[in-house]
Amino acid sequence: MTEPDDRTSATVLNGTGARLSGTERAVLGDVPAAQVLALLSRYTHDRLGSAIASVRFRAGRIDAVWGVELDDGRAVVVKAHRRPVDLEAVAAATRAQALLVAAGHPCPQPLSGPDEVAGHVLVLEVLLSGGSAPDGRDPSVRRLLAEGLARHVDVLRQDESLPARAGRGPSWCRYQQGPWPTPHDPIVDFTTTPEDGAWLDAYARRAVEQIAGNRGDDVVVGHADWYAGNVAVADGRLVGTFDWELVADTEAVIAGFSAAAFAASSTSGAGLSTPEEARAFLQDYEHARGSSFDAAEQRAAAAAAAWILAFNARWESAMRPPGEDGVTTALVRARGEEYLSLRW
């Protein structure tokens, strides 16, 4: 899912002037920013022995994420999860990050959590710095993303408990509750069909049926939102991968999810993949994993990409006036059949 990041820059919060963002209020309550800072500072002191000296950034689309510097000079990230929270899934993601760090994958080292503190679910991890957000539509970046996905899926196979613990991932991965799952943010309503929306419901249902008929049974885990906006690149290599939330599904489905959204970033725009871009990503993914998907897996991957486009179009339609197509909705309306029939 690739709705815009809710980001607030900050240096030091010293109380009265700072306001929480919409995401922060949804997660932490409609309270003064200084009160949140005090809560998080107590948390870092309790778990790491050092309070917060300054705030480097505040971000988050679903959860509230604060990058902070501690009194002892360490730079860490504090994440507050939006409720309801699947504690087992958060713990699985933390376990996955530890495995990946041990394998040399550029993801943050977990430091604590998930911890329940004052009614909130918090985690701590090392703040990675360096690199920059890449242009996801650069073919070299596309290959980096495909390789990074294939590599971390392979690393995480070593813990056979992860698929059961990770669950089905965030709402945009939950095609099983079709045509639409409960959205991850109550600002949209998926319970009723918008004006001129029956075609999109039918399209999403076709994508679900195509996945279900072709996905197979070998379930693995991967990053649930693997796209250019969640990585940093320097000197032609990945140097940071962020926002670790897992999805458990077959490899073809996970690759299809990423194929639909990999290019979206602050540098390449928020647009999801065209059919040609999705096909190129899946070809790169096969090359990175060292083997091709069979015919059924190709159909599953294609349908997973179609599902992500449909989900984003449904979200978009809920946020726009009736009858007015957004960019993603127009793309699905014009080229939806091409996603479902992708082969390579």
Protein backbone atom coordinates (compact mmCIF):
# COMPACT_ATOMS: atom_id res chain seq x y z
CA MET A 1 0.00 0.00 0.00
CA THR A 2 1.51 3.35 -0.97
CA GLU A 3 -0.53 6.25 0.35
CA PRO A 4 1.67 9.29 1.12
CA ASP A 5 3.97 9.26 4.12
CA ASP A 6 2.79 11.41 7.02
CA ARG A 7 6.12 13.04 7.94
CA THR A 8 6.98 15.85 10.29
CA SER A 9 10.52 17.18 10.59
CA ALA A 10 11.76 18.05 14.06
CA THR A 11 14.99 18.83 15.88
CA VAL A 12 14.12 19.17 19.56
CA LEU A 13 10.59 19.02 20.97
CA ASN A 14 10.48 21.18 24.06
CA GLY A 15 6.82 21.25 24.73
CA THR A 16 4.06 23.61 23.91
CA GLY A 17 4.49 24.48 20.23
CA ALA A 18 4.72 21.07 18.61
CA ARG A 19 1.58 19.26 17.42
CA LEU A 20 1.06 15.62 16.65
CA SER A 21 0.31 14.56 13.10
CA GLY A 22 -2.92 12.82 12.17
CA THR A 23 -1.22 9.43 12.28
CA GLU A 24 0.32 10.18 15.67
CA ARG A 25 -3.04 11.22 17.11
CA ALA A 26 -4.67 8.05 15.79
CA VAL A 27 -1.98 5.90 17.41
CA LEU A 28 -1.02 7.81 20.55
CA GLY A 29 -4.10 9.89 21.32
CA ASP A 30 -4.92 13.56 20.97
CA VAL A 31 -2.37 14.74 23.51
CA PRO A 32 0.43 17.32 23.49
CA ALA A 33 3.58 16.26 21.65
CA ALA A 34 5.57 16.94 24.81
CA GLN A 35 3.54 14.26 26.61
CA VAL A 36 4.40 11.73 23.92
CA LEU A 37 8.05 12.74 24.07
CA ALA A 38 8.05 12.15 27.83
CA LEU A 39 6.47 8.71 27.37
CA LEU A 40 8.97 7.66 24.73
CA SER A 41 11.87 9.08 26.70
CA ARG A 42 10.89 7.02 29.75
CA TYR A 43 10.68 3.99 27.48
CA THR A 44 14.17 4.42 26.04
CA HIS A 45 15.55 5.07 29.51
CA ASP A 46 13.89 1.93 30.91
CA ARG A 47 14.99 -0.34 28.04
CA LEU A 48 18.30 1.21 26.96
CA GLY A 49 19.42 3.19 29.99
CA SER A 50 19.36 6.54 28.21
CA ALA A 51 16.64 9.17 27.71
CA ILE A 52 15.88 11.06 24.49
CA ALA A 53 18.05 14.10 23.88
CA SER A 54 16.57 15.19 20.54
CA VAL A 55 14.16 14.13 17.81
CA ARG A 56 15.61 13.70 14.32
CA PHE A 57 12.35 12.96 12.53
CA ARG A 58 8.76 11.90 13.01
CA ALA A 59 7.06 9.80 10.36
CA GLY A 60 4.50 7.11 9.70
CA ARG A 61 1.57 6.24 7.48
CA ILE A 62 -0.02 3.65 9.74
CA ASP A 63 2.14 3.47 12.86
CA ALA A 64 3.88 6.41 14.56
CA VAL A 65 7.65 6.36 14.00
CA TRP A 66 10.12 8.63 15.79
CA GLY A 67 13.82 8.75 15.00
CA VAL A 68 15.62 10.03 18.08
CA GLU A 69 19.06 10.62 19.52
CA LEU A 70 19.67 9.51 23.09
CA ASP A 71 21.64 11.25 25.81
CA ASP A 72 24.46 8.76 25.29
CA GLY A 73 24.69 9.59 21.57
CA ARG A 74 22.99 6.50 20.18
CA ALA A 75 20.47 6.99 17.36
CA VAL A 76 17.40 4.78 17.57
CA VAL A 77 13.88 4.48 16.19
CA VAL A 78 10.83 4.18 18.41
CA LYS A 79 7.72 2.80 16.73
CA ALA A 80 4.26 2.91 18.28
CA HIS A 81 1.88 0.45 16.62
CA ARG A 82 -1.68 1.30 15.73
CA ARG A 83 -4.25 -0.80 17.57
CA PRO A 84 -5.51 -3.45 17.28
CA VAL A 85 -2.04 -4.99 17.37
CA ASP A 86 -1.19 -8.61 16.56
CA LEU A 87 1.59 -9.01 19.12
CA GLU A 88 2.68 -12.34 17.68
CA ALA A 89 3.06 -10.80 14.22
CA VAL A 90 5.09 -7.88 15.60
CA ALA A 91 7.30 -10.34 17.50
CA ALA A 92 7.75 -12.36 14.29
CA ALA A 93 8.87 -9.24 12.42
CA THR A 94 11.35 -8.49 15.19
CA ARG A 95 12.70 -12.05 14.96
CA ALA A 96 12.96 -11.69 11.18
CA GLN A 97 14.97 -8.49 11.49
CA ALA A 98 17.42 -10.17 13.87
CA LEU A 99 17.90 -13.05 11.41
CA LEU A 100 18.44 -10.66 8.54
CA VAL A 101 20.97 -8.54 10.43
CA ALA A 102 22.89 -11.73 11.26
CA ALA A 103 22.87 -12.62 7.56
CA GLY A 104 24.26 -9.21 6.55
CA HIS A 105 21.00 -7.83 5.18
CA PRO A 106 20.71 -4.03 5.65
CA CYS A 107 17.81 -3.79 8.04
CA PRO A 108 17.62 -2.22 11.51
CA GLN A 109 18.83 -4.25 14.48
CA PRO A 110 15.94 -4.70 16.94
CA LEU A 111 16.67 -3.50 20.46
CA SER A 112 13.46 -4.10 22.41
CA GLY A 113 9.85 -5.07 21.93
CA PRO A 114 7.13 -5.49 21.31
CA ASP A 115 6.58 -3.91 24.72
CA GLU A 116 3.24 -2.82 26.16
CA VAL A 117 3.77 0.56 27.79
CA ALA A 118 1.00 2.81 29.13
CA GLY A 119 -1.56 1.23 26.81
CA HIS A 120 0.67 1.40 23.72
CA VAL A 121 2.67 -1.26 21.88
CA LEU A 122 6.21 0.01 21.32
CA VAL A 123 9.36 -1.32 19.70
CA LEU A 124 12.93 -0.03 19.59
CA GLU A 125 15.50 -0.55 16.86
CA VAL A 126 18.78 0.95 15.67
CA LEU A 127 18.40 3.96 13.39
CA LEU A 128 20.08 3.28 10.05
CA SER A 129 21.53 6.31 8.29
CA GLY A 130 23.14 6.77 4.92
CA GLY A 131 21.94 6.36 1.38
CA SER A 132 18.89 8.00 -0.14
CA ALA A 133 15.46 7.11 -1.44
CA PRO A 134 15.95 5.72 -4.94
CA ASP A 135 14.06 6.20 -8.18
CA GLY A 136 12.11 2.97 -8.30
CA ARG A 137 11.64 3.28 -12.06
CA ASP A 138 15.36 3.12 -12.72
CA PRO A 139 15.96 -0.42 -14.06
CA SER A 140 19.04 -0.83 -11.86
CA VAL A 141 16.96 0.00 -8.76
CA ARG A 142 14.24 -2.38 -9.92
CA ARG A 143 16.82 -5.16 -10.06
CA LEU A 144 18.14 -4.22 -6.60
CA LEU A 145 14.62 -4.43 -5.20
CA ALA A 146 13.94 -7.78 -6.85
CA GLU A 147 17.25 -9.18 -5.57
CA GLY A 148 16.63 -7.80 -2.06
CA LEU A 149 13.20 -9.39 -1.93
CA ALA A 150 14.43 -12.78 -3.19
CA ARG A 151 17.35 -12.71 -0.78
CA HIS A 152 15.40 -11.90 2.36
CA VAL A 153 12.65 -14.41 1.53
CA ASP A 154 15.38 -17.05 1.25
CA VAL A 155 17.08 -16.01 4.52
CA LEU A 156 13.81 -16.14 6.43
CA ARG A 157 13.10 -19.71 5.32
CA GLN A 158 15.53 -20.84 8.02
CA ASP A 159 12.96 -20.12 10.76
CA GLU A 160 10.08 -22.46 10.02
CA SER A 161 7.95 -20.87 12.76
CA LEU A 162 7.71 -17.51 11.02
CA PRO A 163 4.85 -18.23 8.56
CA ALA A 164 2.47 -19.23 11.32
CA ARG A 165 3.52 -16.34 13.55
CA ALA A 166 3.56 -13.64 10.85
CA GLY A 167 -0.01 -14.14 9.72
CA ARG A 168 -1.56 -12.70 6.60
CA GLY A 169 -0.03 -9.28 6.89
CA PRO A 170 -1.62 -5.81 6.72
CA SER A 171 -4.96 -5.16 5.08
CA TRP A 172 -3.67 -4.76 1.54
CA CYS A 173 -2.35 -8.34 1.67
CA ARG A 174 -5.65 -9.83 2.88
CA TYR A 175 -7.28 -10.80 -0.37
CA GLN A 176 -8.83 -13.83 1.38
CA GLN A 177 -11.42 -11.48 2.92
CA GLY A 178 -12.56 -10.43 -0.53
CA PRO A 179 -13.53 -8.60 -2.31
CA TRP A 180 -12.39 -6.18 0.40
CA PRO A 181 -10.80 -6.64 3.84
CA THR A 182 -11.31 -4.32 6.78
CA PRO A 183 -9.09 -1.33 5.93
CA HIS A 184 -6.14 -0.48 8.16
CA ASP A 185 -7.41 3.08 8.67
CA PRO A 186 -11.03 3.99 9.51
CA ILE A 187 -10.84 7.13 7.35
CA VAL A 188 -12.11 4.95 4.48
CA ASP A 189 -15.22 2.79 4.29
CA PHE A 190 -15.07 -0.48 2.39
CA THR A 191 -18.46 -1.75 3.56
CA THR A 192 -20.50 -0.14 0.78
CA THR A 193 -19.87 0.03 -2.94
CA PRO A 194 -19.29 3.57 -4.24
CA GLU A 195 -21.17 4.92 -7.21
CA ASP A 196 -19.88 3.17 -10.34
CA GLY A 197 -17.85 0.82 -8.16
CA ALA A 198 -19.40 -2.56 -8.93
CA TRP A 199 -16.91 -3.17 -11.74
CA LEU A 200 -14.00 -2.80 -9.30
CA ASP A 201 -15.61 -5.20 -6.82
CA ALA A 202 -15.97 -7.74 -9.63
CA TYR A 203 -12.38 -7.21 -10.76
CA ALA A 204 -11.01 -7.71 -7.24
CA ARG A 205 -13.08 -10.88 -6.90
CA ARG A 206 -11.58 -12.24 -10.13
CA ALA A 207 -8.08 -11.50 -8.84
CA VAL A 208 -8.84 -13.34 -5.59
CA GLU A 209 -10.21 -16.35 -7.45
CA GLN A 210 -7.15 -16.46 -9.71
CA ILE A 211 -4.78 -16.35 -6.74
CA ALA A 212 -6.73 -19.02 -4.87
CA GLY A 213 -6.71 -21.35 -7.84
CA ASN A 214 -2.96 -21.08 -8.49
CA ARG A 215 -1.07 -20.06 -5.34
CA GLY A 216 0.15 -23.50 -4.19
CA ASP A 217 0.93 -24.55 -0.63
CA ASP A 218 4.60 -23.67 0.08
CA VAL A 219 4.15 -20.67 2.38
CA VAL A 220 7.09 -18.37 3.11
CA VAL A 221 7.38 -14.90 4.62
CA GLY A 222 8.46 -11.60 3.13
CA HIS A 223 8.27 -7.87 3.68
CA ALA A 224 4.62 -6.85 3.36
CA ASP A 225 5.32 -3.44 1.77
CA TRP A 226 8.48 -3.95 -0.29
CA TYR A 227 8.86 -0.89 -2.49
CA ALA A 228 11.35 1.88 -3.23
CA GLY A 229 9.93 4.15 -0.55
CA ASN A 230 10.98 1.67 2.14
CA VAL A 231 14.64 1.34 1.14
CA ALA A 232 17.79 3.46 0.94
CA VAL A 233 20.42 3.02 -1.77
CA ALA A 234 24.04 4.15 -2.01
CA ASP A 235 26.70 3.28 -4.59
CA GLY A 236 24.41 0.86 -6.39
CA ARG A 237 23.47 -1.24 -3.37
CA LEU A 238 20.80 -1.42 -0.72
CA VAL A 239 22.03 0.17 2.52
CA GLY A 240 18.76 0.35 4.40
CA THR A 241 15.41 -1.43 4.42
CA PHE A 242 12.64 -0.21 6.67
CA ASP A 243 9.09 -0.63 7.96
CA TRP A 244 9.40 -4.37 8.57
CA GLU A 245 5.97 -5.93 8.68
CA LEU A 246 5.68 -9.48 7.38
CA VAL A 247 3.21 -11.30 5.19
CA ALA A 248 3.00 -15.09 5.02
CA ASP A 249 2.02 -16.44 1.61
CA THR A 250 3.53 -18.33 -1.29
CA GLU A 251 6.61 -16.87 -2.92
CA ALA A 252 4.77 -16.13 -6.17
CA VAL A 253 2.08 -14.14 -4.36
CA ILE A 254 4.60 -12.14 -2.33
CA ALA A 255 6.57 -11.38 -5.50
CA GLY A 256 3.34 -10.32 -7.21
CA PHE A 257 2.46 -7.94 -4.38
CA SER A 258 5.85 -6.25 -4.75
CA ALA A 259 5.69 -6.22 -8.54
CA ALA A 260 2.61 -4.01 -8.32
CA ALA A 261 4.14 -1.35 -6.05
CA PHE A 262 7.95 -1.58 -6.18
CA ALA A 263 8.51 1.63 -8.14
CA ALA A 264 6.52 4.01 -5.95
CA SER A 265 8.69 6.44 -4.00
CA SER A 266 9.22 10.08 -3.25
CA THR A 267 11.58 10.34 -6.22
CA SER A 268 9.60 8.42 -8.83
CA GLY A 269 6.09 9.44 -7.82
CA ALA A 270 3.37 7.48 -6.11
CA GLY A 271 2.12 5.66 -9.19
CA LEU A 272 1.86 1.89 -9.08
CA SER A 273 3.39 -0.35 -11.72
CA THR A 274 2.20 -0.57 -15.28
CA PRO A 275 1.78 -4.13 -16.59
CA GLU A 276 5.16 -3.78 -18.33
CA GLU A 277 6.88 -2.71 -15.10
CA ALA A 278 5.27 -5.53 -13.13
CA ARG A 279 6.40 -8.07 -15.72
CA ALA A 280 9.98 -6.71 -15.67
CA PHE A 281 10.11 -6.94 -11.87
CA LEU A 282 8.91 -10.53 -11.89
CA GLN A 283 11.50 -11.44 -14.51
CA ASP A 284 14.19 -9.82 -12.36
CA TYR A 285 12.87 -11.71 -9.35
CA GLU A 286 13.10 -15.04 -11.13
CA HIS A 287 16.67 -14.24 -12.17
CA ALA A 288 17.57 -13.34 -8.58
CA ARG A 289 16.06 -16.53 -7.11
CA GLY A 290 17.77 -18.66 -9.75
CA SER A 291 14.66 -20.45 -11.02
CA SER A 292 11.50 -19.66 -12.96
CA PHE A 293 7.95 -19.71 -11.70
CA ASP A 294 5.84 -22.43 -13.29
CA ALA A 295 2.64 -21.61 -15.18
CA ALA A 296 0.41 -21.72 -12.09
CA GLU A 297 2.83 -19.56 -10.09
CA GLN A 298 2.89 -17.00 -12.89
CA ARG A 299 -0.90 -16.80 -12.80
CA ALA A 300 -0.80 -16.40 -9.01
CA ALA A 301 1.84 -13.65 -9.17
CA ALA A 302 -0.08 -11.82 -11.89
CA ALA A 303 -3.29 -11.96 -9.88
CA ALA A 304 -1.50 -10.78 -6.73
CA ALA A 305 -0.27 -7.74 -8.64
CA ALA A 306 -3.80 -7.15 -9.93
CA TRP A 307 -5.14 -7.40 -6.37
CA ILE A 308 -2.76 -4.71 -5.10
CA LEU A 309 -3.83 -2.41 -7.94
CA ALA A 310 -7.47 -3.11 -7.13
CA PHE A 311 -6.99 -2.49 -3.40
CA ASN A 312 -5.28 0.84 -4.04
CA ALA A 313 -8.00 1.81 -6.52
CA ARG A 314 -10.66 0.97 -3.92
CA TRP A 315 -8.85 3.10 -1.34
CA GLU A 316 -8.53 5.91 -3.87
CA SER A 317 -12.22 5.80 -4.79
CA ALA A 318 -13.18 6.06 -1.11
CA MET A 319 -11.18 9.29 -0.87
CA ARG A 320 -12.53 10.99 -4.01
CA PRO A 321 -15.87 12.44 -5.11
CA PRO A 322 -18.34 9.88 -6.56
CA GLY A 323 -17.68 9.01 -10.19
CA GLU A 324 -14.25 10.67 -10.31
CA ASP A 325 -11.40 8.31 -11.20
CA GLY A 326 -8.02 8.76 -9.59
CA VAL A 327 -4.80 7.70 -11.30
CA THR A 328 -4.82 4.12 -10.02
CA THR A 329 -8.52 3.62 -10.66
CA ALA A 330 -8.08 4.86 -14.22
CA LEU A 331 -5.13 2.49 -14.68
CA VAL A 332 -7.12 -0.52 -13.51
CA ARG A 333 -10.13 0.48 -15.58
CA ALA A 334 -8.01 0.81 -18.72
CA ARG A 335 -5.51 -2.04 -18.28
CA GLY A 336 -6.92 -4.40 -15.66
CA GLU A 337 -7.09 -7.39 -18.00
CA GLU A 338 -3.40 -7.02 -18.79
CA TYR A 339 -2.44 -7.49 -15.14
CA LEU A 340 -4.52 -10.64 -14.78
CA SER A 341 -3.06 -12.12 -17.96
CA LEU A 342 0.60 -11.23 -17.34
CA ARG A 343 3.03 -13.93 -18.50
CA TRP A 344 6.77 -13.75 -19.01
